[in-house]
Protein backbone atom coordinates (compact mmCIF):
# COMPACT_ATOMS: atom_id res chain seq x y z
CA MET A 1 -29.08 23.14 -66.15
CA TYR A 2 -26.26 20.58 -66.51
CA THR A 3 -27.51 16.99 -66.11
CA LEU A 4 -25.26 14.41 -64.42
CA LYS A 5 -25.97 10.83 -65.11
CA LEU A 6 -25.49 8.34 -62.32
CA GLY A 7 -25.69 4.69 -62.96
CA LEU A 8 -26.12 1.74 -60.52
CA ILE A 9 -24.11 -1.01 -62.17
CA HIS A 10 -24.79 -4.66 -61.96
CA GLU A 11 -22.29 -6.78 -59.90
CA GLY A 12 -19.98 -8.52 -62.32
CA LYS A 13 -17.89 -10.44 -59.83
CA VAL A 14 -18.66 -14.14 -59.73
CA PRO A 15 -20.47 -15.01 -57.68
CA PRO A 16 -22.37 -11.85 -57.93
CA ASP A 17 -23.08 -9.84 -54.69
CA LYS A 18 -26.78 -9.23 -54.07
CA ARG A 19 -26.21 -5.89 -52.35
CA VAL A 20 -26.81 -2.52 -54.04
CA PRO A 21 -25.76 1.09 -53.11
CA PHE A 22 -29.46 2.31 -53.27
CA SER A 23 -32.74 0.63 -52.81
CA PRO A 24 -35.49 1.47 -55.27
CA ALA A 25 -37.03 3.94 -52.73
CA GLN A 26 -33.59 5.62 -52.13
CA ALA A 27 -33.13 5.86 -55.91
CA GLU A 28 -36.43 7.75 -56.08
CA GLU A 29 -35.38 9.98 -53.27
CA ILE A 30 -32.09 10.95 -54.90
CA LYS A 31 -33.92 11.98 -58.13
CA GLN A 32 -36.22 14.12 -56.01
CA ARG A 33 -33.39 15.70 -53.92
CA TYR A 34 -31.14 16.35 -57.01
CA PRO A 35 -33.21 17.38 -60.09
CA ASN A 36 -30.08 17.65 -62.09
CA VAL A 37 -29.21 14.04 -61.59
CA ASN A 38 -30.48 11.40 -64.03
CA LEU A 39 -30.27 8.11 -62.13
CA VAL A 40 -30.53 4.83 -64.02
CA CYS A 41 -30.17 1.19 -62.92
CA GLN A 42 -28.25 -1.47 -65.08
CA THR A 43 -30.36 -4.57 -65.47
CA SER A 44 -29.48 -7.45 -63.16
CA ALA A 45 -31.06 -10.75 -62.34
CA SER A 46 -28.99 -11.24 -59.13
CA ARG A 47 -29.43 -8.13 -57.03
CA CYS A 48 -31.74 -8.28 -53.92
CA PHE A 49 -34.16 -5.68 -55.40
CA SER A 50 -35.53 -6.69 -58.78
CA ASN A 51 -35.63 -4.60 -61.84
CA GLU A 52 -39.39 -4.42 -61.58
CA GLU A 53 -39.05 -2.89 -58.11
CA TYR A 54 -36.92 0.01 -59.56
CA GLN A 55 -39.25 0.44 -62.56
CA ALA A 56 -42.27 0.68 -60.23
CA LEU A 57 -40.72 3.88 -58.94
CA ASP A 58 -39.81 5.20 -62.44
CA ILE A 59 -36.25 4.29 -62.15
CA GLU A 60 -35.04 3.46 -65.77
CA ILE A 61 -33.49 0.12 -66.32
CA VAL A 62 -30.72 0.00 -68.94
CA GLU A 63 -28.34 -2.46 -70.42
CA ASP A 64 -25.63 -0.01 -71.35
CA VAL A 65 -24.21 2.43 -68.76
CA SER A 66 -21.40 3.79 -70.92
CA ASP A 67 -23.09 7.24 -71.18
CA CYS A 68 -23.05 7.66 -67.35
CA ASP A 69 -20.73 10.09 -65.56
CA ILE A 70 -20.69 8.26 -62.21
CA LEU A 71 -20.99 4.55 -61.76
CA MET A 72 -21.70 2.93 -58.37
CA GLY A 73 -21.47 -0.61 -57.26
CA ILE A 74 -20.42 -2.80 -54.31
CA LYS A 75 -17.65 -5.28 -55.08
CA GLU A 76 -14.72 -5.02 -57.40
CA VAL A 77 -15.62 -4.38 -61.07
CA PRO A 78 -14.10 -7.08 -63.31
CA ILE A 79 -11.22 -5.55 -65.47
CA ASP A 80 -12.97 -6.33 -68.81
CA GLN A 81 -16.13 -4.33 -67.63
CA LEU A 82 -14.17 -1.16 -66.65
CA ILE A 83 -15.32 1.79 -68.71
CA PRO A 84 -12.47 4.40 -69.40
CA ASN A 85 -12.65 8.00 -68.27
CA LYS A 86 -15.50 7.43 -65.73
CA THR A 87 -15.87 8.05 -61.98
CA TYR A 88 -16.40 4.69 -60.06
CA LEU A 89 -17.34 4.11 -56.50
CA PHE A 90 -17.01 0.52 -55.16
CA PHE A 91 -15.01 -1.48 -52.63
CA SER A 92 -11.84 -2.05 -54.73
CA HIS A 93 -9.89 -3.97 -52.04
CA THR A 94 -6.59 -2.49 -53.22
CA ILE A 95 -5.90 0.13 -50.54
CA LYS A 96 -4.25 -2.42 -48.24
CA LYS A 97 -2.10 -3.51 -51.20
CA GLN A 98 -4.02 -6.73 -51.80
CA SER A 99 -1.90 -8.63 -54.34
CA TYR A 100 -4.82 -10.33 -55.95
CA ASN A 101 -6.22 -6.92 -57.07
CA ARG A 102 -3.05 -5.28 -58.22
CA LYS A 103 -3.97 -5.62 -61.85
CA LEU A 104 -7.33 -4.05 -61.16
CA LEU A 105 -5.80 -0.82 -59.90
CA GLN A 106 -3.23 -0.77 -62.66
CA THR A 107 -5.94 -1.01 -65.29
CA ILE A 108 -8.05 1.75 -63.42
CA LEU A 109 -4.84 4.03 -63.81
CA GLU A 110 -4.31 2.94 -67.36
CA ARG A 111 -7.96 3.75 -68.37
CA ASN A 112 -7.89 7.17 -66.70
CA ILE A 113 -10.68 6.24 -64.23
CA ARG A 114 -11.35 8.23 -61.05
CA LEU A 115 -11.69 5.56 -58.32
CA ILE A 116 -13.49 6.61 -55.11
CA ASP A 117 -13.21 3.59 -52.65
CA TYR A 118 -15.94 3.36 -50.05
CA GLU A 119 -13.44 2.30 -47.47
CA GLY A 120 -11.46 5.56 -48.01
CA LEU A 121 -14.46 7.73 -47.31
CA LYS A 122 -13.73 9.15 -43.86
CA ASP A 123 -14.33 12.17 -41.63
CA THR A 124 -11.37 14.45 -40.52
CA LEU A 125 -10.76 12.19 -37.56
CA GLY A 126 -10.24 9.10 -39.74
CA ASN A 127 -13.68 7.48 -38.99
CA ARG A 128 -15.25 5.54 -41.93
CA LEU A 129 -18.56 7.15 -43.08
CA VAL A 130 -20.06 4.21 -44.78
CA ALA A 131 -19.66 0.61 -44.05
CA PHE A 132 -21.40 -2.79 -43.71
CA GLY A 133 -19.96 -3.68 -40.34
CA ARG A 134 -23.28 -3.63 -38.36
CA TYR A 135 -24.76 -6.30 -40.52
CA ALA A 136 -21.64 -8.44 -40.41
CA GLY A 137 -22.14 -8.29 -36.64
CA ILE A 138 -25.81 -9.11 -36.71
CA VAL A 139 -25.50 -12.08 -39.09
CA GLY A 140 -22.23 -13.32 -37.62
CA ALA A 141 -23.56 -13.47 -34.09
CA TYR A 142 -26.82 -15.11 -35.51
CA ASN A 143 -24.77 -17.79 -37.20
CA GLY A 144 -22.87 -18.44 -34.06
CA LEU A 145 -26.03 -18.98 -32.05
CA LEU A 146 -27.47 -21.12 -35.02
CA THR A 147 -24.25 -23.25 -34.94
CA TYR A 148 -24.31 -23.86 -31.26
CA GLY A 149 -27.99 -24.85 -31.49
CA LYS A 150 -27.21 -27.25 -34.28
CA ARG A 151 -24.11 -28.71 -32.70
CA TYR A 152 -26.09 -29.67 -29.53
CA SER A 153 -29.55 -30.18 -31.08
CA LEU A 154 -31.05 -27.47 -29.01
CA TYR A 155 -33.09 -25.62 -31.60
CA THR A 156 -33.15 -25.05 -35.30
CA LEU A 157 -33.17 -21.49 -36.93
CA ARG A 158 -33.53 -20.71 -40.58
CA ARG A 159 -30.45 -19.51 -42.26
CA ALA A 160 -30.17 -15.81 -42.27
CA TYR A 161 -30.36 -15.56 -46.09
CA ASP A 162 -33.74 -17.33 -45.82
CA CYS A 163 -35.11 -14.44 -43.68
CA PHE A 164 -36.68 -11.62 -45.78
CA ASP A 165 -34.88 -8.73 -43.79
CA VAL A 166 -33.46 -7.98 -40.47
CA ASN A 167 -36.88 -7.87 -38.75
CA ASP A 168 -37.70 -11.35 -39.97
CA LEU A 169 -34.32 -12.53 -38.62
CA LYS A 170 -35.08 -10.99 -35.21
CA LEU A 171 -38.31 -12.79 -35.00
CA GLU A 172 -36.41 -16.09 -35.76
CA LEU A 173 -34.30 -15.42 -32.68
CA ARG A 174 -37.17 -16.08 -30.44
CA LYS A 175 -36.47 -19.71 -30.93
CA VAL A 176 -33.03 -19.56 -29.22
CA SER A 177 -33.14 -21.51 -26.03
CA LEU A 178 -29.72 -21.96 -24.49
CA PRO A 179 -28.52 -23.58 -21.31
CA PRO A 180 -26.45 -21.38 -18.80
CA ILE A 181 -23.38 -20.99 -21.13
CA LYS A 182 -21.08 -18.04 -21.43
CA ILE A 183 -20.44 -16.15 -24.62
CA ILE A 184 -17.51 -13.89 -25.30
CA LEU A 185 -17.88 -10.98 -27.73
CA THR A 186 -14.86 -8.99 -28.78
CA GLY A 187 -15.11 -5.53 -30.39
CA ALA A 188 -16.80 -2.40 -29.83
CA GLY A 189 -17.16 -0.95 -33.27
CA ARG A 190 -19.86 -1.41 -35.92
CA VAL A 191 -19.35 -5.19 -35.93
CA GLY A 192 -19.44 -5.45 -32.18
CA LYS A 193 -22.58 -3.33 -31.77
CA GLY A 194 -24.29 -5.43 -34.63
CA ALA A 195 -23.43 -8.75 -32.67
CA MET A 196 -24.64 -7.20 -29.42
CA GLU A 197 -27.88 -6.30 -31.19
CA THR A 198 -28.45 -10.07 -31.99
CA LEU A 199 -27.53 -11.25 -28.50
CA ASP A 200 -29.77 -8.73 -27.00
CA THR A 201 -32.78 -9.64 -29.20
CA ALA A 202 -32.15 -13.31 -28.31
CA GLY A 203 -32.61 -12.36 -24.64
CA ILE A 204 -29.11 -13.19 -23.61
CA ARG A 205 -27.96 -10.98 -20.51
CA LYS A 206 -24.88 -8.90 -20.78
CA VAL A 207 -22.57 -8.94 -17.75
CA SER A 208 -19.36 -7.23 -16.88
CA PRO A 209 -15.92 -9.00 -17.74
CA THR A 210 -15.13 -9.34 -13.98
CA ASP A 211 -18.54 -11.11 -13.29
CA PHE A 212 -18.16 -13.14 -16.48
CA LEU A 213 -14.88 -14.55 -15.16
CA HIS A 214 -15.95 -15.20 -11.51
CA LYS A 215 -19.67 -15.74 -11.15
CA VAL A 216 -21.76 -18.62 -11.92
CA TYR A 217 -25.19 -18.07 -13.58
CA ASP A 218 -28.29 -20.12 -14.12
CA GLU A 219 -28.96 -18.57 -17.49
CA PRO A 220 -26.93 -17.77 -20.69
CA VAL A 221 -24.89 -14.56 -20.47
CA TYR A 222 -22.31 -12.76 -22.60
CA SER A 223 -19.64 -10.10 -22.02
CA GLN A 224 -18.41 -7.68 -24.53
CA LEU A 225 -14.68 -7.21 -24.21
CA SER A 226 -12.48 -4.27 -25.20
CA SER A 227 -8.79 -4.49 -25.66
CA SER A 228 -8.03 -3.49 -22.15
CA ASP A 229 -9.96 -6.40 -20.80
CA TYR A 230 -7.47 -8.91 -22.14
CA HIS A 231 -4.14 -7.23 -22.62
CA GLU A 232 -1.50 -6.11 -20.25
CA ARG A 233 1.70 -4.12 -20.66
CA LYS A 234 4.75 -6.44 -20.73
CA SER A 235 6.73 -3.92 -18.64
CA GLY A 236 3.99 -3.30 -16.16
CA GLY A 237 1.72 -0.40 -15.55
CA HIS A 238 -1.74 0.49 -16.70
CA PHE A 239 -3.11 -0.25 -20.05
CA ASN A 240 -2.80 2.84 -22.47
CA ARG A 241 -5.23 2.63 -25.29
CA GLU A 242 -3.32 5.06 -27.48
CA GLU A 243 0.01 3.27 -26.91
CA PHE A 244 -1.72 -0.14 -27.61
CA HIS A 245 -2.97 1.06 -30.97
CA LYS A 246 0.45 2.58 -31.87
CA SER A 247 2.64 -0.19 -30.43
CA PRO A 248 0.69 -3.34 -29.73
CA GLU A 249 3.87 -5.42 -29.60
CA LYS A 250 4.35 -3.90 -26.07
CA TYR A 251 1.43 -5.83 -24.86
CA SER A 252 0.74 -9.54 -24.03
CA SER A 253 -2.70 -11.19 -24.04
CA PHE A 254 -4.43 -12.96 -21.10
CA PHE A 255 -7.52 -13.88 -23.17
CA THR A 256 -7.14 -17.46 -22.11
CA ARG A 257 -8.78 -16.47 -18.86
CA TYR A 258 -12.11 -16.23 -20.77
CA THR A 259 -11.56 -19.33 -22.91
CA GLN A 260 -11.51 -21.29 -19.58
CA VAL A 261 -15.12 -20.22 -18.77
CA ALA A 262 -16.81 -19.62 -22.10
CA GLN A 263 -18.37 -21.96 -24.65
CA ILE A 264 -18.94 -19.56 -27.53
CA LEU A 265 -16.64 -16.81 -29.10
CA LEU A 266 -17.84 -14.16 -31.38
CA GLY A 267 -14.86 -12.47 -32.85
CA GLY A 268 -15.64 -8.83 -33.90
CA ALA A 269 -12.51 -6.94 -33.03
CA TYR A 270 -10.08 -5.59 -35.47
CA TRP A 271 -6.73 -7.35 -35.12
CA ASN A 272 -3.32 -5.82 -35.89
CA PRO A 273 -0.82 -8.40 -36.92
CA ALA A 274 1.69 -6.72 -34.63
CA ALA A 275 -0.59 -7.44 -31.57
CA PRO A 276 -0.64 -10.69 -29.68
CA VAL A 277 -3.06 -13.29 -30.87
CA LEU A 278 -6.07 -14.07 -28.68
CA PHE A 279 -4.80 -17.68 -28.05
CA THR A 280 -2.68 -20.24 -29.72
CA ARG A 281 -3.16 -23.70 -31.06
CA GLU A 282 -1.28 -24.93 -27.97
CA ASP A 283 -3.75 -23.19 -25.75
CA MET A 284 -6.66 -25.05 -27.48
CA LEU A 285 -4.97 -28.34 -26.32
CA ASP A 286 -5.26 -27.33 -22.70
CA PRO A 287 -8.00 -29.31 -20.91
CA GLU A 288 -9.13 -25.97 -19.39
CA PHE A 289 -10.07 -24.66 -22.95
CA LYS A 290 -13.79 -24.68 -23.00
CA LEU A 291 -14.73 -22.94 -26.39
CA LYS A 292 -16.91 -25.20 -28.64
CA VAL A 293 -18.09 -22.73 -31.20
CA ILE A 294 -16.16 -19.87 -32.66
CA ALA A 295 -17.75 -17.35 -35.01
CA ASP A 296 -14.83 -15.39 -36.44
CA ILE A 297 -16.91 -12.48 -37.86
CA THR A 298 -13.71 -10.47 -38.74
CA CYS A 299 -12.43 -13.67 -40.57
CA ASP A 300 -8.71 -13.00 -40.34
CA ILE A 301 -7.17 -16.07 -41.98
CA ASN A 302 -4.33 -17.40 -39.86
CA GLY A 303 -4.79 -14.42 -37.76
CA SER A 304 -5.70 -13.95 -33.96
CA ILE A 305 -7.85 -17.15 -33.86
CA PRO A 306 -5.78 -20.27 -34.87
CA SER A 307 -8.96 -22.22 -35.84
CA THR A 308 -9.66 -19.76 -38.71
CA LYS A 309 -7.67 -21.69 -41.33
CA ARG A 310 -9.82 -20.59 -44.21
CA ALA A 311 -12.86 -18.58 -45.03
CA SER A 312 -16.07 -20.44 -45.28
CA THR A 313 -18.99 -19.71 -47.72
CA ILE A 314 -22.62 -18.71 -47.19
CA PRO A 315 -23.87 -22.01 -48.59
CA ASP A 316 -21.24 -23.93 -46.44
CA PRO A 317 -20.66 -21.84 -43.46
CA ILE A 318 -19.03 -23.93 -40.81
CA TYR A 319 -16.28 -26.47 -40.39
CA ASP A 320 -14.57 -28.39 -37.55
CA TYR A 321 -10.96 -27.56 -36.42
CA ASN A 322 -8.82 -30.33 -34.78
CA PRO A 323 -6.22 -28.43 -32.75
CA ILE A 324 -4.20 -31.75 -32.29
CA THR A 325 -3.55 -32.19 -36.05
CA ASP A 326 -4.25 -28.49 -37.14
CA GLU A 327 -6.74 -29.84 -39.59
CA VAL A 328 -9.97 -28.52 -40.95
CA LEU A 329 -12.66 -31.25 -41.06
CA PRO A 330 -16.39 -31.54 -41.79
CA PRO A 331 -18.70 -29.98 -39.06
CA PHE A 332 -19.72 -31.87 -36.01
CA SER A 333 -17.11 -34.60 -36.65
CA SER A 334 -16.15 -34.96 -33.00
CA GLU A 335 -17.03 -33.43 -29.63
CA ASN A 336 -13.32 -32.91 -29.22
CA TYR A 337 -13.12 -30.47 -32.06
CA VAL A 338 -14.12 -26.78 -32.27
CA THR A 339 -16.63 -25.75 -34.73
CA SER A 340 -15.79 -22.63 -36.69
CA MET A 341 -17.93 -20.13 -38.57
CA ALA A 342 -15.72 -17.85 -40.83
CA VAL A 343 -17.90 -16.50 -43.63
CA ASP A 344 -16.13 -13.45 -45.03
CA ASN A 345 -19.17 -11.73 -46.67
CA LEU A 346 -21.85 -11.98 -43.92
CA PRO A 347 -23.84 -8.93 -44.91
CA CYS A 348 -24.79 -10.69 -48.13
CA GLU A 349 -27.06 -12.86 -46.07
CA LEU A 350 -29.29 -9.91 -45.45
CA PRO A 351 -28.74 -7.87 -48.63
CA ARG A 352 -32.00 -5.77 -48.53
CA SER A 353 -31.44 -4.50 -44.98
CA ALA A 354 -27.71 -4.08 -45.36
CA SER A 355 -28.23 -2.17 -48.70
CA GLU A 356 -30.89 0.10 -47.23
CA GLU A 357 -28.63 1.08 -44.34
CA PHE A 358 -25.63 1.57 -46.55
CA GLY A 359 -27.65 3.58 -48.95
CA ARG A 360 -28.94 5.73 -46.21
CA ASP A 361 -25.42 6.62 -45.12
CA LEU A 362 -24.38 7.33 -48.65
CA ILE A 363 -27.30 9.67 -49.18
CA ASP A 364 -26.79 11.39 -45.80
CA ARG A 365 -23.01 11.69 -45.93
CA ILE A 366 -21.63 11.29 -49.31
CA LEU A 367 -24.01 12.33 -52.12
CA LYS A 368 -23.91 16.05 -51.42
CA PRO A 369 -19.93 16.32 -51.63
CA LEU A 370 -20.11 13.89 -54.61
CA LEU A 371 -22.79 15.62 -56.71
CA THR A 372 -22.28 19.25 -55.50
CA LYS A 373 -19.20 20.65 -53.76
CA ASP A 374 -16.78 18.79 -51.69
CA THR A 375 -16.29 21.49 -49.11
CA GLY A 376 -15.21 19.07 -46.30
CA GLY A 377 -12.92 17.05 -48.44
CA VAL A 378 -14.73 13.71 -47.96
CA ILE A 379 -14.50 12.86 -51.57
CA LYS A 380 -10.98 14.02 -51.75
CA ARG A 381 -9.94 11.79 -48.90
CA GLY A 382 -11.63 8.72 -50.55
CA THR A 383 -10.35 9.26 -54.02
CA VAL A 384 -7.56 6.62 -54.82
CA CYS A 385 -6.68 7.96 -58.21
CA MET A 386 -7.73 10.29 -60.99
CA GLU A 387 -6.33 11.44 -64.29
CA GLY A 388 -4.05 8.37 -64.51
CA THR A 389 -2.17 9.03 -61.25
CA LEU A 390 -2.60 8.18 -57.52
CA THR A 391 -3.82 10.97 -55.28
CA LYS A 392 -1.62 12.40 -52.61
CA GLU A 393 -3.58 10.36 -49.96
CA PHE A 394 -2.74 7.10 -51.67
CA LYS A 395 0.75 7.72 -53.05
CA TYR A 396 1.88 4.92 -50.66
CA LEU A 397 0.37 2.43 -53.25
CA GLN A 398 2.88 3.55 -55.95
CA GLU A 399 5.28 0.64 -55.37
CA TYR A 400 2.27 -1.72 -55.35
CA VAL A 401 1.03 -0.57 -58.75
CA SER A 402 4.37 -0.43 -60.23
CA GLU A 403 5.01 -4.13 -59.61
CA LYS A 404 4.19 -6.58 -62.59
């Protein structure tokens, strides 16, 4: 029987990501389910699961993965570590024509590498099959609650990365004790559902957008808003979801109705640059603007939320924003400022749990077409390039990779 060698590579990007495609238990499961697959793990001192945890389940730890057929990681592989003529799976951050990774894709093409980007792995309806969005939402909402508690000296939570896993984090949420404030949550996808999971665990009641705007509560509440809850057609008439997604410029936002009653915003909705922003810097200068903490989970720099001037980091996650001067300042500098959390790699704060869920999706949805026969075209749709050329699905990147 032909043996295929699959390698879990160490993360070469600096700082290294702690997440992995598969936990040790999942690696063992793969070897049991696919007897013709020889799975090895490249040694690493930074990943969330130690070398010893893999070895305990008879997963071989190796220094050199150059004899592997398929190599799987999480973040971009540094150019000097790319091995020619291999199949790679990782988040390349090239399929949106990111200029900072143009050379990466050019090198992948030059080295005859077959690149399968996790972001491109979708079903026939265009829905992504593997993603870390849920954990971005869980941690982003947690950081928002942590920041509010810290700003007003209400309670103290451990940082998410100090929690062993998601269950440990949820136990920490028992400490949350909020006054009767209102929290806005945007987004209904993976990110929004993850954020809602955190809010529900913290015991914060969910209310309808209408009640959120008009009722007074004696407890903290939140409302999850969809696009129709804060957009209206410029020419009048009912909101049309399909039209909004295709032509968002035909709509205007009335999001400021919510900023006049809420103290925390958790931004988890995808934003199209052609769509109206949630609010402007000028809106933030209005005395009716009530937001004090903004957790921009999607972290769109200079996007729909004007306070997101830059991404923050896991070690230094928050900063203040002064809307009068449009400046970023140290956190908690003034009660007149808005405190912003804009970490752009939130799932890294819970790497074990995030990796386990990601690996589960890979095993259940991706491995069979990857390792046997791609009858549904899943791998085909996610393959950016092979044999030195872009695939049909990604030909739109040709001008991008042709630039010097």
